[in-house]
């Protein structure tokens, strides 16, 4: 099993775009019991990945509770870097 942050990054190499809620839905089966598996920590991981140039923001919207959702995607260079260092 990969560390959670690795799994989050790897997920972005397999989808067009996603927000923190999408990450939670996709990884909850394997990582749902991890202490750091919460929305705040996942948003922090996504913001760190963006700051490091691995993913970029694609759009924003509001969910049904009027909470902001930020969507990201791994651009070609970011996906290549992720795949180079994190193997399946």
PDB file of N, CA and C in Angstrom:
ATOM      1  N   UNK A   1       0.835  -1.172   0.000  1.00  0.00           N
ATOM      2  CA  UNK A   1       0.000   0.000   0.000  1.00  0.00           C
ATOM      3  C   UNK A   1       0.888   1.246   0.000  1.00  0.00           C
ATOM      4  N   UNK A   2       0.564   2.179  -0.872  1.00  0.00           N
ATOM      5  CA  UNK A   2       1.309   3.429  -0.974  1.00  0.00           C
ATOM      6  C   UNK A   2       0.950   4.364   0.188  1.00  0.00           C
ATOM      7  N   UNK A   3       1.852   5.283   0.527  1.00  0.00           N
ATOM      8  CA  UNK A   3       1.470   6.335   1.464  1.00  0.00           C
ATOM      9  C   UNK A   3       0.282   7.134   0.877  1.00  0.00           C
ATOM     10  N   UNK A   4      -0.532   7.692   1.726  1.00  0.00           N
ATOM     11  CA  UNK A   4      -1.735   8.392   1.277  1.00  0.00           C
ATOM     12  C   UNK A   4      -1.434   9.493   0.273  1.00  0.00           C
ATOM     13  N   UNK A   5      -0.438  10.315   0.539  1.00  0.00           N
ATOM     14  CA  UNK A   5      -0.133  11.406  -0.402  1.00  0.00           C
ATOM     15  C   UNK A   5       0.278  10.869  -1.770  1.00  0.00           C
ATOM     16  N   UNK A   6       0.968   9.754  -1.808  1.00  0.00           N
ATOM     17  CA  UNK A   6       1.326   9.132  -3.080  1.00  0.00           C
ATOM     18  C   UNK A   6       0.071   8.671  -3.814  1.00  0.00           C
ATOM     19  N   UNK A   7      -0.845   8.061  -3.074  1.00  0.00           N
ATOM     20  CA  UNK A   7      -2.089   7.578  -3.680  1.00  0.00           C
ATOM     21  C   UNK A   7      -2.898   8.738  -4.248  1.00  0.00           C
ATOM     22  N   UNK A   8      -2.915   9.856  -3.542  1.00  0.00           N
ATOM     23  CA  UNK A   8      -3.633  11.040  -4.029  1.00  0.00           C
ATOM     24  C   UNK A   8      -3.016  11.510  -5.340  1.00  0.00           C
ATOM     25  N   UNK A   9      -1.710  11.644  -5.373  1.00  0.00           N
ATOM     26  CA  UNK A   9      -1.035  12.085  -6.603  1.00  0.00           C
ATOM     27  C   UNK A   9      -1.274  11.101  -7.747  1.00  0.00           C
ATOM     28  N   UNK A  10      -1.138   9.828  -7.460  1.00  0.00           N
ATOM     29  CA  UNK A  10      -1.312   8.805  -8.493  1.00  0.00           C
ATOM     30  C   UNK A  10      -2.730   8.840  -9.057  1.00  0.00           C
ATOM     31  N   UNK A  11      -3.709   9.100  -8.205  1.00  0.00           N
ATOM     32  CA  UNK A  11      -5.107   9.205  -8.646  1.00  0.00           C
ATOM     33  C   UNK A  11      -5.252  10.256  -9.749  1.00  0.00           C
ATOM     34  N   UNK A  12      -4.532  11.347  -9.627  1.00  0.00           N
ATOM     35  CA  UNK A  12      -4.646  12.419 -10.616  1.00  0.00           C
ATOM     36  C   UNK A  12      -4.033  12.065 -11.960  1.00  0.00           C
ATOM     37  N   UNK A  13      -3.261  11.006 -12.019  1.00  0.00           N
ATOM     38  CA  UNK A  13      -2.735  10.559 -13.314  1.00  0.00           C
ATOM     39  C   UNK A  13      -3.745   9.671 -14.037  1.00  0.00           C
ATOM     40  N   UNK A  14      -4.843   9.354 -13.373  1.00  0.00           N
ATOM     41  CA  UNK A  14      -5.829   8.429 -13.938  1.00  0.00           C
ATOM     42  C   UNK A  14      -7.179   9.078 -14.217  1.00  0.00           C
ATOM     43  N   UNK A  15      -7.333  10.363 -13.895  1.00  0.00           N
ATOM     44  CA  UNK A  15      -8.600  11.062 -14.113  1.00  0.00           C
ATOM     45  C   UNK A  15      -8.342  12.373 -14.848  1.00  0.00           C
ATOM     46  N   UNK A  16      -9.367  12.866 -15.524  1.00  0.00           N
ATOM     47  CA  UNK A  16      -9.256  14.148 -16.222  1.00  0.00           C
ATOM     48  C   UNK A  16      -9.106  15.296 -15.225  1.00  0.00           C
ATOM     49  N   UNK A  17      -9.953  15.308 -14.217  1.00  0.00           N
ATOM     50  CA  UNK A  17      -9.897  16.306 -13.157  1.00  0.00           C
ATOM     51  C   UNK A  17     -10.645  15.763 -11.956  1.00  0.00           C
ATOM     52  N   UNK A  18     -10.371  16.342 -10.795  1.00  0.00           N
ATOM     53  CA  UNK A  18     -11.040  15.895  -9.572  1.00  0.00           C
ATOM     54  C   UNK A  18     -10.899  16.965  -8.503  1.00  0.00           C
ATOM     55  N   UNK A  19     -11.803  16.910  -7.538  1.00  0.00           N
ATOM     56  CA  UNK A  19     -11.742  17.777  -6.362  1.00  0.00           C
ATOM     57  C   UNK A  19     -11.494  16.887  -5.145  1.00  0.00           C
ATOM     58  N   UNK A  20     -11.369  17.477  -3.981  1.00  0.00           N
ATOM     59  CA  UNK A  20     -11.100  16.708  -2.759  1.00  0.00           C
ATOM     60  C   UNK A  20     -12.193  15.676  -2.503  1.00  0.00           C
ATOM     61  N   UNK A  21     -13.454  16.025  -2.767  1.00  0.00           N
ATOM     62  CA  UNK A  21     -14.548  15.067  -2.566  1.00  0.00           C
ATOM     63  C   UNK A  21     -14.399  13.851  -3.473  1.00  0.00           C
ATOM     64  N   UNK A  22     -13.947  14.071  -4.709  1.00  0.00           N
ATOM     65  CA  UNK A  22     -13.725  12.959  -5.632  1.00  0.00           C
ATOM     66  C   UNK A  22     -12.610  12.042  -5.121  1.00  0.00           C
ATOM     67  N   UNK A  23     -11.559  12.651  -4.591  1.00  0.00           N
ATOM     68  CA  UNK A  23     -10.436  11.883  -4.041  1.00  0.00           C
ATOM     69  C   UNK A  23     -10.925  11.023  -2.878  1.00  0.00           C
ATOM     70  N   UNK A  24     -11.725  11.621  -2.009  1.00  0.00           N
ATOM     71  CA  UNK A  24     -12.264  10.888  -0.858  1.00  0.00           C
ATOM     72  C   UNK A  24     -13.092   9.698  -1.333  1.00  0.00           C
ATOM     73  N   UNK A  25     -13.974   9.932  -2.285  1.00  0.00           N
ATOM     74  CA  UNK A  25     -14.805   8.838  -2.807  1.00  0.00           C
ATOM     75  C   UNK A  25     -13.968   7.724  -3.413  1.00  0.00           C
ATOM     76  N   UNK A  26     -12.926   8.100  -4.153  1.00  0.00           N
ATOM     77  CA  UNK A  26     -12.105   7.109  -4.843  1.00  0.00           C
ATOM     78  C   UNK A  26     -11.213   6.297  -3.904  1.00  0.00           C
ATOM     79  N   UNK A  27     -10.726   6.917  -2.841  1.00  0.00           N
ATOM     80  CA  UNK A  27      -9.730   6.259  -1.996  1.00  0.00           C
ATOM     81  C   UNK A  27     -10.259   5.775  -0.654  1.00  0.00           C
ATOM     82  N   UNK A  28     -11.528   6.031  -0.341  1.00  0.00           N
ATOM     83  CA  UNK A  28     -12.023   5.694   0.992  1.00  0.00           C
ATOM     84  C   UNK A  28     -11.990   4.198   1.287  1.00  0.00           C
ATOM     85  N   UNK A  29     -12.143   3.352   0.288  1.00  0.00           N
ATOM     86  CA  UNK A  29     -12.097   1.914   0.528  1.00  0.00           C
ATOM     87  C   UNK A  29     -10.763   1.445   1.058  1.00  0.00           C
ATOM     88  N   UNK A  30      -9.693   2.011   0.533  1.00  0.00           N
ATOM     89  CA  UNK A  30      -8.350   1.587   0.919  1.00  0.00           C
ATOM     90  C   UNK A  30      -7.762   2.424   2.052  1.00  0.00           C
ATOM     91  N   UNK A  31      -8.111   3.705   2.110  1.00  0.00           N
ATOM     92  CA  UNK A  31      -7.474   4.617   3.055  1.00  0.00           C
ATOM     93  C   UNK A  31      -8.437   5.203   4.086  1.00  0.00           C
ATOM     94  N   UNK A  32      -9.690   4.783   4.084  1.00  0.00           N
ATOM     95  CA  UNK A  32     -10.708   5.346   4.956  1.00  0.00           C
ATOM     96  C   UNK A  32     -10.393   5.303   6.437  1.00  0.00           C
ATOM     97  N   UNK A  33      -9.544   4.383   6.876  1.00  0.00           N
ATOM     98  CA  UNK A  33      -9.209   4.269   8.294  1.00  0.00           C
ATOM     99  C   UNK A  33      -7.976   5.073   8.697  1.00  0.00           C
ATOM    100  N   UNK A  34      -7.335   5.714   7.738  1.00  0.00           N
ATOM    101  CA  UNK A  34      -6.146   6.513   8.044  1.00  0.00           C
ATOM    102  C   UNK A  34      -6.557   7.773   8.798  1.00  0.00           C
ATOM    103  N   UNK A  35      -5.780   8.143   9.785  1.00  0.00           N
ATOM    104  CA  UNK A  35      -6.069   9.345  10.572  1.00  0.00           C
ATOM    105  C   UNK A  35      -6.069  10.598   9.693  1.00  0.00           C
ATOM    106  N   UNK A  36      -5.178  10.659   8.725  1.00  0.00           N
ATOM    107  CA  UNK A  36      -5.065  11.826   7.849  1.00  0.00           C
ATOM    108  C   UNK A  36      -6.069  11.807   6.698  1.00  0.00           C
ATOM    109  N   UNK A  37      -6.930  10.803   6.656  1.00  0.00           N
ATOM    110  CA  UNK A  37      -7.902  10.717   5.560  1.00  0.00           C
ATOM    111  C   UNK A  37      -9.136  11.532   5.924  1.00  0.00           C
ATOM    112  N   UNK A  38      -9.002  12.837   5.723  1.00  0.00           N
ATOM    113  CA  UNK A  38     -10.107  13.757   5.948  1.00  0.00           C
ATOM    114  C   UNK A  38     -10.001  14.878   4.920  1.00  0.00           C
ATOM    115  N   UNK A  39     -11.075  15.587   4.733  1.00  0.00           N
ATOM    116  CA  UNK A  39     -11.132  16.592   3.669  1.00  0.00           C
ATOM    117  C   UNK A  39     -10.063  17.668   3.831  1.00  0.00           C
ATOM    118  N   UNK A  40      -9.860  18.134   5.047  1.00  0.00           N
ATOM    119  CA  UNK A  40      -8.869  19.184   5.278  1.00  0.00           C
ATOM    120  C   UNK A  40      -7.468  18.732   4.868  1.00  0.00           C
ATOM    121  N   UNK A  41      -7.091  17.528   5.246  1.00  0.00           N
ATOM    122  CA  UNK A  41      -5.762  17.005   4.903  1.00  0.00           C
ATOM    123  C   UNK A  41      -5.614  16.782   3.406  1.00  0.00           C
ATOM    124  N   UNK A  42      -6.674  16.326   2.768  1.00  0.00           N
ATOM    125  CA  UNK A  42      -6.615  16.091   1.321  1.00  0.00           C
ATOM    126  C   UNK A  42      -6.520  17.413   0.572  1.00  0.00           C
ATOM    127  N   UNK A  43      -7.263  18.417   1.007  1.00  0.00           N
ATOM    128  CA  UNK A  43      -7.153  19.743   0.387  1.00  0.00           C
ATOM    129  C   UNK A  43      -5.733  20.277   0.558  1.00  0.00           C
ATOM    130  N   UNK A  44      -5.162  20.092   1.727  1.00  0.00           N
ATOM    131  CA  UNK A  44      -3.789  20.519   1.970  1.00  0.00           C
ATOM    132  C   UNK A  44      -2.818  19.797   1.031  1.00  0.00           C
ATOM    133  N   UNK A  45      -3.001  18.505   0.844  1.00  0.00           N
ATOM    134  CA  UNK A  45      -2.140  17.736  -0.066  1.00  0.00           C
ATOM    135  C   UNK A  45      -2.282  18.239  -1.506  1.00  0.00           C
ATOM    136  N   UNK A  46      -3.496  18.571  -1.908  1.00  0.00           N
ATOM    137  CA  UNK A  46      -3.718  19.080  -3.266  1.00  0.00           C
ATOM    138  C   UNK A  46      -3.081  20.447  -3.461  1.00  0.00           C
ATOM    139  N   UNK A  47      -3.196  21.293  -2.460  1.00  0.00           N
ATOM    140  CA  UNK A  47      -2.578  22.622  -2.549  1.00  0.00           C
ATOM    141  C   UNK A  47      -1.055  22.518  -2.586  1.00  0.00           C
ATOM    142  N   UNK A  48      -0.503  21.565  -1.858  1.00  0.00           N
ATOM    143  CA  UNK A  48       0.937  21.336  -1.882  1.00  0.00           C
ATOM    144  C   UNK A  48       1.373  20.820  -3.252  1.00  0.00           C
ATOM    145  N   UNK A  49       0.598  19.891  -3.803  1.00  0.00           N
ATOM    146  CA  UNK A  49       0.907  19.373  -5.136  1.00  0.00           C
ATOM    147  C   UNK A  49       0.853  20.488  -6.176  1.00  0.00           C
ATOM    148  N   UNK A  50      -0.107  21.386  -6.025  1.00  0.00           N
ATOM    149  CA  UNK A  50      -0.197  22.522  -6.954  1.00  0.00           C
ATOM    150  C   UNK A  50       1.017  23.440  -6.794  1.00  0.00           C
ATOM    151  N   UNK A  51       1.375  23.746  -5.561  1.00  0.00           N
ATOM    152  CA  UNK A  51       2.530  24.613  -5.305  1.00  0.00           C
ATOM    153  C   UNK A  51       3.820  24.005  -5.849  1.00  0.00           C
ATOM    154  N   UNK A  52       3.887  22.682  -5.890  1.00  0.00           N
ATOM    155  CA  UNK A  52       5.066  21.978  -6.410  1.00  0.00           C
ATOM    156  C   UNK A  52       4.989  21.724  -7.910  1.00  0.00           C
ATOM    157  N   UNK A  53       3.935  22.195  -8.549  1.00  0.00           N
ATOM    158  CA  UNK A  53       3.829  22.092  -9.998  1.00  0.00           C
ATOM    159  C   UNK A  53       3.396  20.743 -10.533  1.00  0.00           C
ATOM    160  N   UNK A  54       2.846  19.883  -9.684  1.00  0.00           N
ATOM    161  CA  UNK A  54       2.438  18.555 -10.136  1.00  0.00           C
ATOM    162  C   UNK A  54       1.003  18.531 -10.658  1.00  0.00           C
ATOM    163  N   UNK A  55       0.155  19.377 -10.118  1.00  0.00           N
ATOM    164  CA  UNK A  55      -1.225  19.507 -10.594  1.00  0.00           C
ATOM    165  C   UNK A  55      -1.521  20.991 -10.748  1.00  0.00           C
ATOM    166  N   UNK A  56      -2.582  21.293 -11.492  1.00  0.00           N
ATOM    167  CA  UNK A  56      -2.996  22.683 -11.618  1.00  0.00           C
ATOM    168  C   UNK A  56      -4.503  22.784 -11.491  1.00  0.00           C
ATOM    169  N   UNK A  57      -4.944  23.922 -11.032  1.00  0.00           N
ATOM    170  CA  UNK A  57      -6.367  24.173 -10.851  1.00  0.00           C
ATOM    171  C   UNK A  57      -7.039  24.272 -12.212  1.00  0.00           C
ATOM    172  N   UNK A  58      -8.213  23.618 -12.342  1.00  0.00           N
ATOM    173  CA  UNK A  58      -8.942  23.685 -13.609  1.00  0.00           C
ATOM    174  C   UNK A  58     -10.209  24.496 -13.510  1.00  0.00           C
ATOM    175  N   UNK A  59     -10.898  24.426 -12.374  1.00  0.00           N
ATOM    176  CA  UNK A  59     -12.133  25.186 -12.203  1.00  0.00           C
ATOM    177  C   UNK A  59     -12.550  25.146 -10.744  1.00  0.00           C
ATOM    178  N   UNK A  60     -13.524  25.987 -10.428  1.00  0.00           N
ATOM    179  CA  UNK A  60     -14.110  25.994  -9.092  1.00  0.00           C
ATOM    180  C   UNK A  60     -15.623  26.038  -9.217  1.00  0.00           C
ATOM    181  N   UNK A  61     -16.300  25.513  -8.204  1.00  0.00           N
ATOM    182  CA  UNK A  61     -17.753  25.628  -8.118  1.00  0.00           C
ATOM    183  C   UNK A  61     -18.175  25.454  -6.674  1.00  0.00           C
ATOM    184  N   UNK A  62     -19.477  25.443  -6.443  1.00  0.00           N
ATOM    185  CA  UNK A  62     -20.014  25.231  -5.105  1.00  0.00           C
ATOM    186  C   UNK A  62     -20.747  23.910  -5.075  1.00  0.00           C
ATOM    187  N   UNK A  63     -20.592  23.167  -3.975  1.00  0.00           N
ATOM    188  CA  UNK A  63     -21.342  21.922  -3.836  1.00  0.00           C
ATOM    189  C   UNK A  63     -22.757  22.224  -3.352  1.00  0.00           C
ATOM    190  N   UNK A  64     -23.525  21.188  -3.087  1.00  0.00           N
ATOM    191  CA  UNK A  64     -24.928  21.383  -2.699  1.00  0.00           C
ATOM    192  C   UNK A  64     -25.073  22.114  -1.373  1.00  0.00           C
ATOM    193  N   UNK A  65     -24.006  22.115  -0.548  1.00  0.00           N
ATOM    194  CA  UNK A  65     -24.018  22.824   0.736  1.00  0.00           C
ATOM    195  C   UNK A  65     -23.402  24.219   0.628  1.00  0.00           C
ATOM    196  N   UNK A  66     -23.166  24.654  -0.605  1.00  0.00           N
ATOM    197  CA  UNK A  66     -22.578  25.972  -0.883  1.00  0.00           C
ATOM    198  C   UNK A  66     -21.133  26.086  -0.393  1.00  0.00           C
ATOM    199  N   UNK A  67     -20.436  24.947  -0.324  1.00  0.00           N
ATOM    200  CA  UNK A  67     -19.016  24.948   0.006  1.00  0.00           C
ATOM    201  C   UNK A  67     -18.206  24.957  -1.287  1.00  0.00           C
ATOM    202  N   UNK A  68     -17.129  25.703  -1.278  1.00  0.00           N
ATOM    203  CA  UNK A  68     -16.275  25.821  -2.446  1.00  0.00           C
ATOM    204  C   UNK A  68     -15.596  24.490  -2.763  1.00  0.00           C
ATOM    205  N   UNK A  69     -15.617  24.121  -4.039  1.00  0.00           N
ATOM    206  CA  UNK A  69     -14.873  22.946  -4.516  1.00  0.00           C
ATOM    207  C   UNK A  69     -13.880  23.433  -5.560  1.00  0.00           C
ATOM    208  N   UNK A  70     -12.637  23.044  -5.388  1.00  0.00           N
ATOM    209  CA  UNK A  70     -11.589  23.381  -6.345  1.00  0.00           C
ATOM    210  C   UNK A  70     -11.202  22.097  -7.061  1.00  0.00           C
ATOM    211  N   UNK A  71     -11.244  22.147  -8.383  1.00  0.00           N
ATOM    212  CA  UNK A  71     -10.879  20.991  -9.198  1.00  0.00           C
ATOM    213  C   UNK A  71      -9.465  21.172  -9.729  1.00  0.00           C
ATOM    214  N   UNK A  72      -8.745  20.067  -9.773  1.00  0.00           N
ATOM    215  CA  UNK A  72      -7.366  20.045 -10.265  1.00  0.00           C
ATOM    216  C   UNK A  72      -7.211  18.949 -11.308  1.00  0.00           C
ATOM    217  N   UNK A  73      -6.140  19.063 -12.090  1.00  0.00           N
ATOM    218  CA  UNK A  73      -5.753  17.951 -12.955  1.00  0.00           C
ATOM    219  C   UNK A  73      -4.234  17.922 -13.032  1.00  0.00           C
ATOM    220  N   UNK A  74      -3.720  16.752 -13.325  1.00  0.00           N
ATOM    221  CA  UNK A  74      -2.277  16.601 -13.524  1.00  0.00           C
ATOM    222  C   UNK A  74      -1.993  16.873 -14.991  1.00  0.00           C
ATOM    223  N   UNK A  75      -1.318  17.982 -15.265  1.00  0.00           N
ATOM    224  CA  UNK A  75      -0.941  18.292 -16.648  1.00  0.00           C
ATOM    225  C   UNK A  75       0.105  17.285 -17.109  1.00  0.00           C
ATOM    226  N   UNK A  76       0.443  17.327 -18.371  1.00  0.00           N
ATOM    227  CA  UNK A  76       1.320  16.299 -18.958  1.00  0.00           C
ATOM    228  C   UNK A  76       2.648  16.168 -18.213  1.00  0.00           C
ATOM    229  N   UNK A  77       3.287  17.281 -17.948  1.00  0.00           N
ATOM    230  CA  UNK A  77       4.581  17.239 -17.257  1.00  0.00           C
ATOM    231  C   UNK A  77       4.426  16.763 -15.810  1.00  0.00           C
ATOM    232  N   UNK A  78       3.378  17.227 -15.140  1.00  0.00           N
ATOM    233  CA  UNK A  78       3.135  16.797 -13.756  1.00  0.00           C
ATOM    234  C   UNK A  78       2.858  15.307 -13.677  1.00  0.00           C
ATOM    235  N   UNK A  79       2.021  14.804 -14.595  1.00  0.00           N
ATOM    236  CA  UNK A  79       1.704  13.373 -14.620  1.00  0.00           C
ATOM    237  C   UNK A  79       2.964  12.551 -14.890  1.00  0.00           C
ATOM    238  N   UNK A  80       3.804  13.034 -15.802  1.00  0.00           N
ATOM    239  CA  UNK A  80       5.047  12.317 -16.099  1.00  0.00           C
ATOM    240  C   UNK A  80       5.954  12.257 -14.868  1.00  0.00           C
ATOM    241  N   UNK A  81       6.034  13.344 -14.141  1.00  0.00           N
ATOM    242  CA  UNK A  81       6.853  13.379 -12.922  1.00  0.00           C
ATOM    243  C   UNK A  81       6.287  12.438 -11.860  1.00  0.00           C
ATOM    244  N   UNK A  82       4.978  12.489 -11.667  1.00  0.00           N
ATOM    245  CA  UNK A  82       4.342  11.595 -10.695  1.00  0.00           C
ATOM    246  C   UNK A  82       4.613  10.142 -11.065  1.00  0.00           C
ATOM    247  N   UNK A  83       4.390   9.796 -12.331  1.00  0.00           N
ATOM    248  CA  UNK A  83       4.576   8.413 -12.773  1.00  0.00           C
ATOM    249  C   UNK A  83       6.026   7.971 -12.713  1.00  0.00           C
ATOM    250  N   UNK A  84       6.963   8.913 -12.873  1.00  0.00           N
ATOM    251  CA  UNK A  84       8.381   8.568 -12.801  1.00  0.00           C
ATOM    252  C   UNK A  84       8.780   8.153 -11.379  1.00  0.00           C
ATOM    253  N   UNK A  85       8.220   8.834 -10.391  1.00  0.00           N
ATOM    254  CA  UNK A  85       8.635   8.585  -9.004  1.00  0.00           C
ATOM    255  C   UNK A  85       7.704   7.692  -8.216  1.00  0.00           C
ATOM    256  N   UNK A  86       6.448   7.555  -8.664  1.00  0.00           N
ATOM    257  CA  UNK A  86       5.498   6.706  -7.949  1.00  0.00           C
ATOM    258  C   UNK A  86       5.027   5.631  -8.914  1.00  0.00           C
ATOM    259  N   UNK A  87       5.483   4.427  -8.712  1.00  0.00           N
ATOM    260  CA  UNK A  87       5.116   3.315  -9.590  1.00  0.00           C
ATOM    261  C   UNK A  87       3.821   2.675  -9.130  1.00  0.00           C
ATOM    262  N   UNK A  88       3.102   2.058 -10.075  1.00  0.00           N
ATOM    263  CA  UNK A  88       1.856   1.355  -9.739  1.00  0.00           C
ATOM    264  C   UNK A  88       2.144   0.104  -8.954  1.00  0.00           C
TER     265      UNK A  88
END
